[in-house]
N, C-alpha and C. Protein backbone atom coordinates (compact mmCIF):
# COMPACT_ATOMS: atom_id res chain seq x y z
N MET A 1 0.96 -1.50 -0.03
CA MET A 1 -0.04 -0.08 0.18
C MET A 1 0.91 1.36 0.17
N THR A 2 0.55 2.44 -0.56
CA THR A 2 1.34 3.29 -0.77
C THR A 2 0.99 4.32 0.06
N ARG A 3 1.77 5.44 0.81
CA ARG A 3 1.30 6.54 1.94
C ARG A 3 -0.11 7.10 1.73
N PRO A 4 -0.47 7.66 0.41
CA PRO A 4 -1.58 8.22 0.17
C PRO A 4 -2.85 7.24 0.58
N GLN A 5 -2.74 6.00 0.10
CA GLN A 5 -3.98 5.13 0.33
C GLN A 5 -3.99 5.05 1.81
N LEU A 6 -2.74 4.82 2.77
CA LEU A 6 -2.61 4.55 3.93
C LEU A 6 -3.39 5.73 4.79
N THR A 7 -2.86 7.03 4.46
CA THR A 7 -3.51 8.24 4.70
C THR A 7 -5.22 8.41 4.51
N MET A 8 -5.80 8.21 3.38
CA MET A 8 -7.11 7.93 3.50
C MET A 8 -7.96 7.14 4.35
N ILE A 9 -7.20 5.75 4.55
CA ILE A 9 -7.69 5.01 4.91
C ILE A 9 -7.86 5.16 6.66
N ALA A 10 -6.63 5.83 7.00
CA ALA A 10 -6.37 6.23 8.39
C ALA A 10 -7.78 7.62 8.70
N GLY A 11 -7.90 8.46 7.61
CA GLY A 11 -8.62 9.47 7.92
C GLY A 11 -10.09 8.90 7.70
N ALA A 12 -10.48 7.81 7.14
CA ALA A 12 -11.63 7.41 6.88
C ALA A 12 -12.22 6.85 8.32
N ILE A 13 -11.39 5.97 8.79
CA ILE A 13 -11.36 5.59 10.06
C ILE A 13 -11.42 6.69 11.53
N LEU A 14 -10.89 7.81 11.19
CA LEU A 14 -11.01 8.93 12.08
C LEU A 14 -12.48 9.53 11.86
N ALA A 15 -12.88 9.87 10.63
CA ALA A 15 -13.86 10.44 10.15
C ALA A 15 -15.26 9.66 10.53
N ALA A 16 -14.79 8.54 10.83
CA ALA A 16 -16.30 7.27 11.15
C ALA A 16 -16.23 7.54 12.40
N PHE A 17 -15.56 7.55 13.45
CA PHE A 17 -15.51 7.86 14.65
C PHE A 17 -15.92 9.56 14.86
N GLY A 18 -15.29 10.15 14.47
CA GLY A 18 -16.05 11.76 14.60
C GLY A 18 -17.70 11.91 14.13
N THR A 19 -17.96 11.20 13.24
CA THR A 19 -19.11 11.24 12.77
C THR A 19 -20.26 10.65 13.71
N GLY A 20 -19.66 9.18 14.02
CA GLY A 20 -20.31 8.85 15.31
C GLY A 20 -20.69 9.23 16.56
N GLY A 21 -19.49 10.44 16.95
CA GLY A 21 -19.67 11.17 18.07
C GLY A 21 -20.59 12.04 18.14
N MET A 22 -20.65 12.86 17.10
CA MET A 22 -21.70 13.95 16.44
C MET A 22 -22.87 13.04 16.63
N VAL A 23 -23.17 11.68 15.72
CA VAL A 23 -24.82 11.34 16.15
C VAL A 23 -25.20 11.34 17.57
N ALA A 24 -24.10 10.49 18.39
CA ALA A 24 -24.18 10.29 19.55
C ALA A 24 -24.98 11.69 20.30
N ARG A 25 -24.26 12.57 20.11
CA ARG A 25 -24.50 13.83 21.03
C ARG A 25 -25.77 14.27 20.30
N GLY A 26 -26.13 13.98 19.03
CA GLY A 26 -27.42 14.27 18.62
C GLY A 26 -27.73 15.39 17.27
N SER A 27 -26.05 15.66 16.99
CA SER A 27 -25.99 16.77 16.14
C SER A 27 -26.10 15.79 14.46
N TYR A 28 -26.88 15.63 14.11
CA TYR A 28 -27.03 14.80 12.72
C TYR A 28 -26.99 15.54 11.90
N THR A 29 -26.98 16.92 11.76
CA THR A 29 -27.07 17.75 10.79
C THR A 29 -25.37 17.90 10.57
N GLU A 30 -24.51 18.04 11.77
CA GLU A 30 -23.16 18.74 11.34
C GLU A 30 -22.56 17.27 10.95
N ALA A 31 -23.11 15.83 11.63
CA ALA A 31 -22.53 14.57 11.13
C ALA A 31 -22.91 14.14 9.84
N ALA A 32 -23.61 14.81 9.31
CA ALA A 32 -24.15 14.81 7.64
C ALA A 32 -23.03 15.64 6.74
N ILE A 33 -23.16 16.58 7.22
CA ILE A 33 -21.72 17.35 6.73
C ILE A 33 -20.50 17.07 6.50
N VAL A 34 -20.35 16.55 7.41
CA VAL A 34 -18.96 15.89 7.74
C VAL A 34 -18.36 14.57 6.99
N ALA A 35 -19.56 13.84 6.75
CA ALA A 35 -19.74 12.54 6.10
C ALA A 35 -19.64 12.84 4.46
N ALA A 36 -20.66 14.03 4.34
CA ALA A 36 -20.70 14.21 2.81
C ALA A 36 -19.35 14.71 2.64
N ALA A 37 -18.57 16.06 3.30
CA ALA A 37 -17.40 16.62 2.75
C ALA A 37 -16.58 15.59 2.64
N TRP A 38 -16.50 14.46 3.81
CA TRP A 38 -15.49 13.49 3.57
C TRP A 38 -15.71 12.65 2.19
N LEU A 39 -16.86 12.33 1.93
CA LEU A 39 -17.03 11.30 0.61
C LEU A 39 -16.81 11.85 -0.74
N ILE A 40 -16.75 13.73 -0.64
CA ILE A 40 -16.45 14.31 -1.73
C ILE A 40 -15.01 14.24 -1.87
N LEU A 41 -14.36 14.46 -0.78
CA LEU A 41 -12.80 14.29 -0.73
C LEU A 41 -12.13 13.28 -1.22
N VAL A 42 -13.08 12.01 -0.86
CA VAL A 42 -12.44 10.88 -1.14
C VAL A 42 -12.63 10.56 -2.68
N GLY A 43 -14.18 10.93 -2.90
CA GLY A 43 -14.18 10.72 -4.46
C GLY A 43 -13.24 11.85 -5.31
N LEU A 44 -12.94 12.70 -5.23
CA LEU A 44 -12.00 13.30 -5.84
C LEU A 44 -10.81 13.05 -5.98
N PHE A 45 -10.58 12.45 -4.72
CA PHE A 45 -8.93 11.76 -4.59
C PHE A 45 -8.62 10.49 -5.70
N PHE A 46 -9.95 9.62 -5.65
CA PHE A 46 -9.75 8.36 -6.71
C PHE A 46 -9.67 8.85 -7.93
N ILE A 47 -10.90 10.09 -8.11
CA ILE A 47 -11.14 10.23 -9.75
C ILE A 47 -9.77 10.97 -10.19
N VAL A 48 -9.42 12.06 -9.43
CA VAL A 48 -7.64 12.49 -9.75
C VAL A 48 -6.67 11.85 -9.99
N ARG A 49 -6.53 10.86 -9.10
CA ARG A 49 -5.01 10.10 -8.75
C ARG A 49 -5.20 9.14 -10.40
N PRO A 50 -5.91 8.21 -10.71
CA PRO A 50 -5.77 7.44 -11.89
C PRO A 50 -5.39 8.30 -13.03
N ARG A 51 -5.92 9.55 -13.38
CA ARG A 51 -5.45 10.53 -14.51
C ARG A 51 -4.27 11.00 -14.54
N ASN A 52 -4.06 11.01 -13.25
CA ASN A 52 -2.49 11.73 -13.10
C ASN A 52 -1.49 10.51 -13.23
N ASP A 53 -1.36 9.35 -12.93
CA ASP A 53 -1.00 8.06 -13.16
C ASP A 53 -0.75 7.93 -14.46
N ALA A 54 -1.93 8.12 -15.36
CA ALA A 54 -1.76 7.67 -16.32
C ALA A 54 -0.77 8.80 -17.51
N GLU A 55 -1.07 10.17 -16.96
CA GLU A 55 -0.20 11.00 -17.73
C GLU A 55 1.08 10.83 -17.36
N ALA A 56 1.50 10.26 -16.26
CA ALA A 56 2.84 10.12 -15.87
C ALA A 56 3.41 9.12 -16.43
N SER A 57 2.76 8.12 -16.98
CA SER A 57 3.51 6.75 -17.74
C SER A 57 3.79 7.17 -19.03
């Protein structure tokens, strides 16, 4: 595994705990915003990443 992949996995785990804590406190809106933002970041990472690898080769 490459370092960026490990970073994304670690971030996803932290985000999951963070959103879980927000839901436990009852702030569903805050948890939904964080989850959506994280999904967008992960999506952009995986969309942009292969294109850059293809150009590099």
